[in-house]
Each structure stands twice: as C-alpha cells, then as structure tokens.
C-alpha cells in the first residue's frame, strides 16, 4: 500500500489505520486461531502500516497517523462480554498510539487515535436486526442514537490537519456520551 502511494503521489503525508473484525464469542470458547486472526487484523496490521508509513514520513520530517480504536479499549469502566479478543486489540491500538507518539514526535510525525462508540456501519448490522439488543445499547448512549461514519471521518480530517498541530498521543472518544454515562 505504501509503495503504491509512493509510486502514485511521490510521498506519504497521512496514514489512517482503520481495520477491524468483531466476532462475538465467549472467552472460554475462544480458540487461539480466533485470537490470532483478530489481533493480526485489528492490531498487527496497524503496526505494519504505521511502521512502513513512518519510515517514509521521517524522510520528510512530517506526517500524521490516525489510528481507529474503539470504546471497547479497556480502562473505561465498560466491559464488553464475548469480545475479549476485540477489546485486547483495540486497547493495544491506544497503547501503540501513545508509545509511537513519543518515538515519532522528534521525527516530525504526529499520531493520535480515535475511539468510536456505536457507529452505523456494517459491523452493527446484527445489532440493528435485534430490536431489544439495539434498544439496550441505545439506552446507554445519552444522545440515544448511533453515530454516523461522517462524524468519525470529520474527526479524522481534524486530526490529520494543521488545526490539530499540537496534538499527539491523544485518544479522542466519539461515542454520543456513552463513556460519560
């Protein structure tokens, strides 16, 4: 991906790491394969892409990386049963972001993460099909609705812009107030 961008544009200015799979499965039923697949996609992929992009950004002493995590990241006082592998991966993204912010700042690279709550994407299709489950989740969100993907992308644009030039190592939650509740 980075090689293709370099070939087409001659440089890499911004990387948005946004990947994730979510399989609901009780902890005692999780297999090592389930764990590895989730962490490979949700965390290892971020590491590989960030490292490759940062190597190019460092040459120009400028760049921005935005990692998409989740409110299911741990240390928020909100547990997510049947998502041990998912929450481990998303918490890892926040930790990776904080550490890379310290290492990459001297190279002119800023890195922040975004932790969305329930966003109306294909990932919540099964929830939308179950009115009771949907209402239970919406009851926890003070704004009583799912977020829109455009609301997250607007935050990505802000973090990628010079308007956020003094931000690095931050994790910005966009969840309709879920974690505040």
N, C-alpha and C. Protein backbone atom coordinates (compact mmCIF):
# COMPACT_ATOMS: atom_id res chain seq x y z
N UNK A 1 0.84 -1.19 0.00
CA UNK A 1 0.00 0.00 0.00
C UNK A 1 0.87 1.25 0.00
N UNK A 2 1.90 1.27 0.86
CA UNK A 2 2.77 2.44 0.94
C UNK A 2 3.55 2.58 -0.37
N UNK A 3 4.05 1.47 -0.90
CA UNK A 3 4.78 1.52 -2.17
C UNK A 3 3.89 2.06 -3.28
N UNK A 4 2.63 1.65 -3.32
CA UNK A 4 1.69 2.15 -4.33
C UNK A 4 1.47 3.64 -4.18
N UNK A 5 1.32 4.10 -2.95
CA UNK A 5 1.13 5.53 -2.70
C UNK A 5 2.36 6.33 -3.13
N UNK A 6 3.54 5.80 -2.82
CA UNK A 6 4.77 6.49 -3.22
C UNK A 6 4.89 6.56 -4.74
N UNK A 7 4.53 5.48 -5.39
CA UNK A 7 4.61 5.44 -6.85
C UNK A 7 3.65 6.46 -7.47
N UNK A 8 2.43 6.54 -6.91
CA UNK A 8 1.42 7.43 -7.48
C UNK A 8 1.60 8.89 -7.07
N UNK A 9 1.94 9.13 -5.79
CA UNK A 9 1.98 10.50 -5.27
C UNK A 9 3.38 11.01 -4.93
N UNK A 10 4.34 10.11 -4.84
CA UNK A 10 5.70 10.51 -4.54
C UNK A 10 6.01 10.71 -3.07
N UNK A 11 5.02 10.59 -2.23
CA UNK A 11 5.23 10.77 -0.79
C UNK A 11 4.01 10.23 -0.02
N UNK A 12 4.20 10.11 1.29
CA UNK A 12 3.11 9.71 2.18
C UNK A 12 3.02 10.78 3.27
N UNK A 13 1.89 11.46 3.33
CA UNK A 13 1.67 12.52 4.31
C UNK A 13 0.81 12.08 5.48
N UNK A 14 -0.18 11.24 5.19
CA UNK A 14 -1.18 10.86 6.19
C UNK A 14 -1.47 9.37 6.05
N UNK A 15 -1.55 8.71 7.19
CA UNK A 15 -2.00 7.32 7.22
C UNK A 15 -3.17 7.24 8.18
N UNK A 16 -4.26 6.65 7.74
CA UNK A 16 -5.39 6.36 8.62
C UNK A 16 -5.48 4.84 8.71
N UNK A 17 -5.19 4.31 9.89
CA UNK A 17 -5.31 2.88 10.15
C UNK A 17 -6.73 2.62 10.61
N UNK A 18 -7.50 1.95 9.78
CA UNK A 18 -8.90 1.68 10.10
C UNK A 18 -9.27 0.29 9.63
N UNK A 19 -9.06 -0.67 10.49
CA UNK A 19 -9.42 -2.05 10.17
C UNK A 19 -9.97 -2.69 11.42
N UNK A 20 -10.84 -3.61 11.24
CA UNK A 20 -11.34 -4.31 12.41
C UNK A 20 -12.33 -5.40 12.06
N UNK A 21 -12.18 -6.50 12.76
CA UNK A 21 -13.19 -7.54 12.70
C UNK A 21 -13.70 -7.74 14.12
N UNK A 22 -14.92 -8.15 14.23
CA UNK A 22 -15.55 -8.30 15.54
C UNK A 22 -16.39 -9.57 15.52
N UNK A 23 -15.95 -10.57 16.25
CA UNK A 23 -16.67 -11.83 16.34
C UNK A 23 -17.06 -12.03 17.81
N UNK A 24 -18.34 -12.07 18.07
CA UNK A 24 -18.80 -12.28 19.43
C UNK A 24 -18.63 -13.76 19.79
N UNK A 25 -17.84 -14.00 20.83
CA UNK A 25 -17.60 -15.38 21.23
C UNK A 25 -17.17 -15.38 22.70
N UNK A 26 -17.82 -16.18 23.53
CA UNK A 26 -17.44 -16.23 24.95
C UNK A 26 -15.97 -16.59 25.12
N UNK A 27 -15.34 -15.99 26.11
CA UNK A 27 -13.92 -16.18 26.38
C UNK A 27 -13.53 -17.66 26.46
N UNK A 28 -14.31 -18.46 27.15
CA UNK A 28 -13.97 -19.87 27.32
C UNK A 28 -14.12 -20.68 26.03
N UNK A 29 -14.75 -20.09 25.02
CA UNK A 29 -14.90 -20.76 23.73
C UNK A 29 -13.94 -20.23 22.67
N UNK A 30 -13.21 -19.16 22.98
CA UNK A 30 -12.26 -18.59 22.03
C UNK A 30 -11.15 -19.57 21.74
N UNK A 31 -10.80 -19.69 20.49
CA UNK A 31 -9.66 -20.53 20.11
C UNK A 31 -8.45 -19.63 19.88
N UNK A 32 -7.31 -20.24 19.86
CA UNK A 32 -6.10 -19.48 19.56
C UNK A 32 -6.19 -18.89 18.15
N UNK A 33 -6.81 -19.59 17.24
CA UNK A 33 -6.98 -19.09 15.88
C UNK A 33 -7.88 -17.85 15.86
N UNK A 34 -8.98 -17.86 16.66
CA UNK A 34 -9.84 -16.68 16.77
C UNK A 34 -9.04 -15.49 17.27
N UNK A 35 -8.26 -15.74 18.33
CA UNK A 35 -7.45 -14.69 18.94
C UNK A 35 -6.45 -14.13 17.94
N UNK A 36 -5.70 -15.01 17.29
CA UNK A 36 -4.66 -14.59 16.36
C UNK A 36 -5.24 -13.82 15.17
N UNK A 37 -6.34 -14.29 14.62
CA UNK A 37 -6.94 -13.61 13.47
C UNK A 37 -7.36 -12.19 13.85
N UNK A 38 -8.00 -12.05 15.00
CA UNK A 38 -8.46 -10.73 15.43
C UNK A 38 -7.29 -9.80 15.68
N UNK A 39 -6.29 -10.26 16.41
CA UNK A 39 -5.14 -9.39 16.69
C UNK A 39 -4.29 -9.13 15.45
N UNK A 40 -4.21 -10.07 14.54
CA UNK A 40 -3.48 -9.83 13.30
C UNK A 40 -4.12 -8.70 12.49
N UNK A 41 -5.43 -8.74 12.35
CA UNK A 41 -6.13 -7.72 11.57
C UNK A 41 -6.23 -6.41 12.35
N UNK A 42 -6.69 -6.48 13.60
CA UNK A 42 -7.00 -5.28 14.36
C UNK A 42 -5.80 -4.56 14.96
N UNK A 43 -4.67 -5.24 15.13
CA UNK A 43 -3.52 -4.61 15.78
C UNK A 43 -2.23 -4.76 14.97
N UNK A 44 -1.90 -5.96 14.57
CA UNK A 44 -0.65 -6.17 13.83
C UNK A 44 -0.65 -5.39 12.51
N UNK A 45 -1.77 -5.36 11.85
CA UNK A 45 -1.88 -4.59 10.60
C UNK A 45 -1.59 -3.12 10.83
N UNK A 46 -2.05 -2.57 11.95
CA UNK A 46 -1.77 -1.17 12.28
C UNK A 46 -0.28 -0.96 12.47
N UNK A 47 0.36 -1.87 13.20
CA UNK A 47 1.79 -1.79 13.43
C UNK A 47 2.55 -1.78 12.11
N UNK A 48 2.24 -2.73 11.24
CA UNK A 48 2.97 -2.85 9.98
C UNK A 48 2.77 -1.61 9.10
N UNK A 49 1.53 -1.14 9.00
CA UNK A 49 1.26 0.04 8.17
C UNK A 49 1.90 1.29 8.76
N UNK A 50 1.79 1.47 10.08
CA UNK A 50 2.38 2.65 10.72
C UNK A 50 3.89 2.65 10.55
N UNK A 51 4.51 1.51 10.72
CA UNK A 51 5.97 1.44 10.59
C UNK A 51 6.41 1.79 9.17
N UNK A 52 5.73 1.23 8.19
CA UNK A 52 6.08 1.50 6.80
C UNK A 52 5.85 2.96 6.44
N UNK A 53 4.72 3.52 6.85
CA UNK A 53 4.42 4.93 6.56
C UNK A 53 5.39 5.85 7.30
N UNK A 54 5.66 5.56 8.55
CA UNK A 54 6.53 6.41 9.36
C UNK A 54 7.95 6.46 8.78
N UNK A 55 8.41 5.37 8.23
CA UNK A 55 9.74 5.37 7.60
C UNK A 55 9.80 6.39 6.47
N UNK A 56 8.73 6.48 5.71
CA UNK A 56 8.68 7.46 4.61
C UNK A 56 8.46 8.87 5.15
N UNK A 57 7.58 9.03 6.12
CA UNK A 57 7.32 10.35 6.70
C UNK A 57 8.57 10.94 7.35
N UNK A 58 9.36 10.09 7.98
CA UNK A 58 10.57 10.53 8.66
C UNK A 58 11.56 11.17 7.68
N UNK A 59 11.56 10.72 6.44
CA UNK A 59 12.45 11.29 5.43
C UNK A 59 12.12 12.75 5.18
N UNK A 60 10.86 13.12 5.31
CA UNK A 60 10.40 14.50 5.08
C UNK A 60 10.25 15.28 6.39
N UNK A 61 10.45 14.57 7.51
CA UNK A 61 10.28 15.17 8.85
C UNK A 61 8.86 15.73 9.04
N UNK A 62 7.88 15.01 8.47
CA UNK A 62 6.50 15.47 8.59
C UNK A 62 5.54 14.34 8.23
N UNK A 63 4.49 14.21 9.04
CA UNK A 63 3.46 13.23 8.74
C UNK A 63 2.48 13.10 9.88
N UNK A 64 1.36 12.49 9.57
CA UNK A 64 0.30 12.28 10.55
C UNK A 64 -0.23 10.86 10.40
N UNK A 65 -0.40 10.21 11.54
CA UNK A 65 -1.02 8.89 11.58
C UNK A 65 -2.23 8.97 12.49
N UNK A 66 -3.35 8.47 12.04
CA UNK A 66 -4.57 8.40 12.84
C UNK A 66 -4.98 6.94 12.91
N UNK A 67 -5.05 6.41 14.12
CA UNK A 67 -5.46 5.02 14.35
C UNK A 67 -6.89 4.99 14.85
N UNK A 68 -7.70 4.14 14.27
CA UNK A 68 -9.07 3.98 14.74
C UNK A 68 -9.11 2.82 15.74
N UNK A 69 -9.47 3.14 16.97
CA UNK A 69 -9.58 2.14 18.04
C UNK A 69 -11.06 1.88 18.29
N UNK A 70 -11.50 1.96 19.54
CA UNK A 70 -12.90 1.71 19.89
C UNK A 70 -13.11 2.06 21.36
N UNK A 71 -14.36 2.34 21.72
CA UNK A 71 -14.66 2.48 23.15
C UNK A 71 -14.44 1.15 23.87
N UNK A 72 -14.39 0.08 23.11
CA UNK A 72 -14.09 -1.24 23.67
C UNK A 72 -12.57 -1.39 23.76
N UNK A 73 -11.94 -0.51 24.52
CA UNK A 73 -10.47 -0.45 24.58
C UNK A 73 -9.93 -0.78 25.95
N UNK A 74 -10.81 -0.99 26.93
CA UNK A 74 -10.35 -1.24 28.29
C UNK A 74 -10.15 0.05 29.05
N UNK A 75 -9.99 -0.05 30.34
CA UNK A 75 -9.74 1.07 31.26
C UNK A 75 -10.78 2.17 31.18
N UNK A 76 -11.98 1.85 30.73
CA UNK A 76 -13.02 2.85 30.64
C UNK A 76 -14.18 2.56 31.59
N UNK A 77 -14.10 1.46 32.31
CA UNK A 77 -15.17 1.11 33.22
C UNK A 77 -16.35 0.46 32.53
N UNK A 78 -16.22 0.13 31.25
CA UNK A 78 -17.28 -0.51 30.50
C UNK A 78 -16.75 -1.81 29.92
N UNK A 79 -17.27 -2.93 30.39
CA UNK A 79 -16.83 -4.22 29.87
C UNK A 79 -17.64 -4.61 28.64
N UNK A 80 -17.09 -5.50 27.87
CA UNK A 80 -17.75 -5.99 26.67
C UNK A 80 -17.67 -7.51 26.63
N UNK A 81 -18.60 -8.19 27.32
CA UNK A 81 -18.58 -9.65 27.32
C UNK A 81 -18.61 -10.21 25.90
N UNK A 82 -17.97 -11.31 25.71
CA UNK A 82 -17.82 -12.04 24.44
C UNK A 82 -16.93 -11.32 23.43
N UNK A 83 -16.16 -10.32 23.89
CA UNK A 83 -15.27 -9.59 22.99
C UNK A 83 -13.85 -9.46 23.55
N UNK A 84 -13.37 -10.46 24.28
CA UNK A 84 -12.03 -10.36 24.89
C UNK A 84 -10.95 -10.09 23.84
N UNK A 85 -11.02 -10.78 22.73
CA UNK A 85 -10.01 -10.62 21.68
C UNK A 85 -10.12 -9.25 21.00
N UNK A 86 -11.34 -8.79 20.78
CA UNK A 86 -11.56 -7.48 20.16
C UNK A 86 -11.07 -6.36 21.08
N UNK A 87 -11.47 -6.41 22.36
CA UNK A 87 -11.07 -5.35 23.28
C UNK A 87 -9.55 -5.35 23.49
N UNK A 88 -8.93 -6.51 23.52
CA UNK A 88 -7.47 -6.57 23.65
C UNK A 88 -6.81 -5.88 22.46
N UNK A 89 -7.35 -6.11 21.28
CA UNK A 89 -6.76 -5.49 20.08
C UNK A 89 -6.97 -3.98 20.08
N UNK A 90 -8.14 -3.53 20.44
CA UNK A 90 -8.42 -2.08 20.41
C UNK A 90 -7.70 -1.35 21.54
N UNK A 91 -7.56 -1.98 22.70
CA UNK A 91 -6.74 -1.39 23.76
C UNK A 91 -5.29 -1.32 23.34
N UNK A 92 -4.84 -2.32 22.61
CA UNK A 92 -3.48 -2.32 22.09
C UNK A 92 -3.23 -1.17 21.15
N UNK A 93 -4.24 -0.80 20.38
CA UNK A 93 -4.11 0.33 19.45
C UNK A 93 -3.86 1.61 20.23
N UNK A 94 -4.59 1.82 21.32
CA UNK A 94 -4.40 3.03 22.12
C UNK A 94 -3.00 3.04 22.72
N UNK A 95 -2.56 1.93 23.25
CA UNK A 95 -1.21 1.85 23.80
C UNK A 95 -0.14 2.06 22.74
N UNK A 96 -0.33 1.48 21.56
CA UNK A 96 0.60 1.67 20.46
C UNK A 96 0.66 3.14 20.06
N UNK A 97 -0.49 3.78 20.00
CA UNK A 97 -0.56 5.20 19.64
C UNK A 97 0.24 6.05 20.62
N UNK A 98 0.02 5.83 21.90
CA UNK A 98 0.72 6.62 22.92
C UNK A 98 2.23 6.43 22.82
N UNK A 99 2.67 5.21 22.66
CA UNK A 99 4.11 4.93 22.58
C UNK A 99 4.73 5.51 21.32
N UNK A 100 4.05 5.33 20.19
CA UNK A 100 4.60 5.86 18.94
C UNK A 100 4.62 7.39 18.94
N UNK A 101 3.68 8.01 19.64
CA UNK A 101 3.70 9.48 19.73
C UNK A 101 5.01 9.95 20.33
N UNK A 102 5.49 9.26 21.35
CA UNK A 102 6.75 9.63 21.99
C UNK A 102 7.94 9.38 21.06
N UNK A 103 7.93 8.26 20.36
CA UNK A 103 9.04 7.92 19.49
C UNK A 103 9.07 8.72 18.20
N UNK A 104 7.91 9.04 17.66
CA UNK A 104 7.85 9.66 16.34
C UNK A 104 7.83 11.18 16.37
N UNK A 105 7.46 11.80 17.49
CA UNK A 105 7.42 13.27 17.57
C UNK A 105 8.75 13.91 17.15
N UNK A 106 9.90 13.40 17.62
CA UNK A 106 11.16 14.01 17.19
C UNK A 106 11.42 13.91 15.68
N UNK A 107 10.68 13.03 15.01
CA UNK A 107 10.82 12.85 13.57
C UNK A 107 9.78 13.67 12.80
N UNK A 108 9.02 14.52 13.52
CA UNK A 108 8.01 15.36 12.88
C UNK A 108 6.71 14.65 12.56
N UNK A 109 6.49 13.52 13.19
CA UNK A 109 5.29 12.72 12.92
C UNK A 109 4.37 12.76 14.13
N UNK A 110 3.13 13.17 13.90
CA UNK A 110 2.11 13.16 14.95
C UNK A 110 1.26 11.92 14.79
N UNK A 111 0.82 11.36 15.91
CA UNK A 111 -0.04 10.18 15.87
C UNK A 111 -1.07 10.26 16.98
N UNK A 112 -2.32 10.08 16.63
CA UNK A 112 -3.43 10.09 17.58
C UNK A 112 -4.36 8.94 17.25
N UNK A 113 -5.23 8.63 18.20
CA UNK A 113 -6.23 7.59 17.94
C UNK A 113 -7.61 8.13 18.21
N UNK A 114 -8.57 7.48 17.60
CA UNK A 114 -9.99 7.80 17.78
C UNK A 114 -10.67 6.54 18.28
N UNK A 115 -11.49 6.68 19.31
CA UNK A 115 -12.24 5.55 19.85
C UNK A 115 -13.74 5.80 19.67
N UNK A 116 -14.27 5.30 18.55
CA UNK A 116 -15.70 5.46 18.33
C UNK A 116 -16.53 4.52 19.20
N UNK A 117 -17.73 4.97 19.50
CA UNK A 117 -18.73 4.11 20.12
C UNK A 117 -19.49 3.40 19.01
N UNK A 118 -20.79 3.26 19.19
CA UNK A 118 -21.61 2.59 18.20
C UNK A 118 -21.80 3.52 16.98
N UNK A 119 -21.24 3.11 15.87
CA UNK A 119 -21.33 3.87 14.63
C UNK A 119 -22.12 3.03 13.63
N UNK A 120 -23.01 3.67 12.89
CA UNK A 120 -23.87 2.97 11.94
C UNK A 120 -23.06 2.51 10.73
N UNK A 121 -22.46 1.34 10.88
CA UNK A 121 -21.67 0.71 9.82
C UNK A 121 -22.11 -0.75 9.71
N UNK A 122 -21.63 -1.46 8.73
CA UNK A 122 -21.99 -2.89 8.62
C UNK A 122 -21.64 -3.71 9.87
N UNK A 123 -20.69 -3.24 10.69
CA UNK A 123 -20.31 -4.00 11.87
C UNK A 123 -21.46 -4.14 12.87
N UNK A 124 -22.44 -3.22 12.83
CA UNK A 124 -23.55 -3.31 13.78
C UNK A 124 -24.84 -3.84 13.14
N UNK A 125 -24.74 -4.42 11.96
CA UNK A 125 -25.94 -4.93 11.28
C UNK A 125 -26.71 -5.93 12.13
N UNK A 126 -26.00 -6.87 12.77
CA UNK A 126 -26.70 -7.87 13.58
C UNK A 126 -27.41 -7.22 14.76
N UNK A 127 -26.82 -6.19 15.32
CA UNK A 127 -27.45 -5.46 16.42
C UNK A 127 -28.72 -4.76 15.94
N UNK A 128 -28.68 -4.20 14.75
CA UNK A 128 -29.85 -3.50 14.21
C UNK A 128 -31.01 -4.45 13.94
N UNK A 129 -30.70 -5.74 13.75
CA UNK A 129 -31.74 -6.73 13.48
C UNK A 129 -32.44 -7.21 14.75
N UNK A 130 -31.86 -6.90 15.90
CA UNK A 130 -32.40 -7.33 17.19
C UNK A 130 -32.87 -6.10 17.96
N UNK A 131 -34.17 -5.77 17.87
CA UNK A 131 -34.67 -4.54 18.49
C UNK A 131 -34.37 -4.43 19.99
N UNK A 132 -34.43 -5.53 20.73
CA UNK A 132 -34.14 -5.47 22.17
C UNK A 132 -32.68 -5.13 22.42
N UNK A 133 -31.80 -5.77 21.70
CA UNK A 133 -30.37 -5.51 21.87
C UNK A 133 -30.03 -4.09 21.45
N UNK A 134 -30.63 -3.66 20.34
CA UNK A 134 -30.39 -2.29 19.87
C UNK A 134 -30.84 -1.28 20.91
N UNK A 135 -32.01 -1.46 21.46
CA UNK A 135 -32.54 -0.53 22.46
C UNK A 135 -31.69 -0.55 23.73
N UNK A 136 -31.19 -1.71 24.11
CA UNK A 136 -30.33 -1.81 25.30
C UNK A 136 -29.06 -0.99 25.12
N UNK A 137 -28.47 -1.06 23.93
CA UNK A 137 -27.26 -0.27 23.67
C UNK A 137 -27.59 1.21 23.60
N UNK A 138 -28.65 1.56 22.88
CA UNK A 138 -29.03 2.97 22.76
C UNK A 138 -29.37 3.59 24.11
N UNK A 139 -29.89 2.79 25.03
CA UNK A 139 -30.22 3.29 26.36
C UNK A 139 -28.97 3.73 27.13
N UNK A 140 -27.81 3.19 26.76
CA UNK A 140 -26.55 3.56 27.42
C UNK A 140 -25.92 4.81 26.81
N UNK A 141 -26.44 5.25 25.67
CA UNK A 141 -25.86 6.39 24.96
C UNK A 141 -26.72 7.63 25.22
N UNK A 142 -26.20 8.63 25.90
CA UNK A 142 -27.00 9.82 26.21
C UNK A 142 -27.64 10.47 24.98
N UNK A 143 -26.99 10.46 23.82
CA UNK A 143 -27.59 11.06 22.62
C UNK A 143 -28.62 10.14 21.97
N UNK A 144 -28.78 8.92 22.48
CA UNK A 144 -29.81 7.95 22.06
C UNK A 144 -29.82 7.64 20.57
N UNK A 145 -28.62 7.59 19.99
CA UNK A 145 -28.55 7.22 18.57
C UNK A 145 -27.15 6.68 18.28
N UNK A 146 -27.06 5.99 17.17
CA UNK A 146 -25.75 5.57 16.68
C UNK A 146 -25.10 6.76 16.01
N UNK A 147 -23.78 6.77 16.03
CA UNK A 147 -23.06 7.82 15.31
C UNK A 147 -23.06 7.54 13.82
N UNK A 148 -22.73 8.56 13.06
CA UNK A 148 -22.64 8.42 11.61
C UNK A 148 -21.17 8.34 11.22
N UNK A 149 -20.88 7.58 10.18
CA UNK A 149 -19.49 7.45 9.75
C UNK A 149 -18.89 8.80 9.40
N UNK A 150 -19.72 9.73 8.89
CA UNK A 150 -19.23 11.07 8.55
C UNK A 150 -18.74 11.82 9.80
N UNK A 151 -19.36 11.53 10.94
CA UNK A 151 -18.93 12.19 12.17
C UNK A 151 -17.52 11.73 12.57
N UNK A 152 -17.24 10.47 12.35
CA UNK A 152 -15.90 9.96 12.62
C UNK A 152 -14.92 10.49 11.58
N UNK A 153 -15.30 10.48 10.32
CA UNK A 153 -14.38 10.96 9.28
C UNK A 153 -14.07 12.44 9.44
N UNK A 154 -15.02 13.22 9.93
CA UNK A 154 -14.73 14.64 10.20
C UNK A 154 -13.68 14.78 11.29
N UNK A 155 -13.72 13.91 12.28
CA UNK A 155 -12.71 13.92 13.34
C UNK A 155 -11.35 13.49 12.78
N UNK A 156 -11.35 12.52 11.89
CA UNK A 156 -10.11 12.10 11.22
C UNK A 156 -9.52 13.30 10.47
N UNK A 157 -10.35 14.01 9.73
CA UNK A 157 -9.88 15.18 8.98
C UNK A 157 -9.26 16.21 9.91
N UNK A 158 -9.89 16.45 11.04
CA UNK A 158 -9.33 17.40 12.01
C UNK A 158 -7.97 16.94 12.50
N UNK A 159 -7.86 15.69 12.89
CA UNK A 159 -6.59 15.18 13.41
C UNK A 159 -5.50 15.13 12.35
N UNK A 160 -5.88 15.00 11.10
CA UNK A 160 -4.90 14.98 10.01
C UNK A 160 -4.49 16.38 9.57
N UNK A 161 -5.24 17.39 10.01
CA UNK A 161 -4.99 18.76 9.56
C UNK A 161 -4.04 19.51 10.49
N UNK A 162 -3.61 20.66 10.03
CA UNK A 162 -2.77 21.54 10.83
C UNK A 162 -3.55 22.15 12.00
N UNK A 163 -4.87 22.09 11.97
CA UNK A 163 -5.67 22.61 13.08
C UNK A 163 -5.41 21.84 14.37
N UNK A 164 -4.89 20.64 14.26
CA UNK A 164 -4.58 19.83 15.44
C UNK A 164 -3.07 19.66 15.61
N UNK A 165 -2.31 20.64 15.16
CA UNK A 165 -0.85 20.51 15.12
C UNK A 165 -0.19 20.36 16.49
N UNK A 166 -0.92 20.65 17.55
CA UNK A 166 -0.35 20.50 18.90
C UNK A 166 -0.84 19.21 19.57
N UNK A 167 -1.46 18.33 18.81
CA UNK A 167 -1.96 17.08 19.35
C UNK A 167 -1.13 15.91 18.88
N UNK A 168 -0.65 15.13 19.81
CA UNK A 168 -0.03 13.84 19.51
C UNK A 168 -0.16 12.97 20.74
N UNK A 169 -0.39 11.70 20.53
CA UNK A 169 -0.55 10.76 21.64
C UNK A 169 -1.92 10.78 22.28
N UNK A 170 -2.86 11.50 21.69
CA UNK A 170 -4.20 11.61 22.26
C UNK A 170 -5.10 10.50 21.74
N UNK A 171 -6.04 10.11 22.56
CA UNK A 171 -7.11 9.21 22.15
C UNK A 171 -8.41 9.98 22.31
N UNK A 172 -9.07 10.25 21.20
CA UNK A 172 -10.30 11.04 21.22
C UNK A 172 -11.49 10.10 21.12
N UNK A 173 -12.36 10.18 22.11
CA UNK A 173 -13.56 9.34 22.13
C UNK A 173 -14.70 10.07 21.44
N UNK A 174 -15.40 9.37 20.56
CA UNK A 174 -16.58 9.91 19.87
C UNK A 174 -17.67 8.85 20.00
N UNK A 175 -18.52 9.03 21.02
CA UNK A 175 -19.43 7.95 21.38
C UNK A 175 -20.82 8.40 21.82
N UNK A 176 -21.19 9.62 21.53
CA UNK A 176 -22.51 10.10 21.92
C UNK A 176 -22.69 10.20 23.43
N UNK A 177 -21.59 10.19 24.16
CA UNK A 177 -21.63 10.31 25.62
C UNK A 177 -21.62 8.99 26.36
N UNK A 178 -21.48 7.88 25.65
CA UNK A 178 -21.55 6.54 26.25
C UNK A 178 -20.63 6.41 27.45
N UNK A 179 -19.35 6.74 27.29
CA UNK A 179 -18.42 6.56 28.39
C UNK A 179 -18.61 7.57 29.51
N UNK A 180 -19.26 8.67 29.22
CA UNK A 180 -19.51 9.67 30.26
C UNK A 180 -20.62 9.21 31.20
N UNK A 181 -21.45 8.29 30.72
CA UNK A 181 -22.60 7.85 31.48
C UNK A 181 -22.29 6.90 32.51
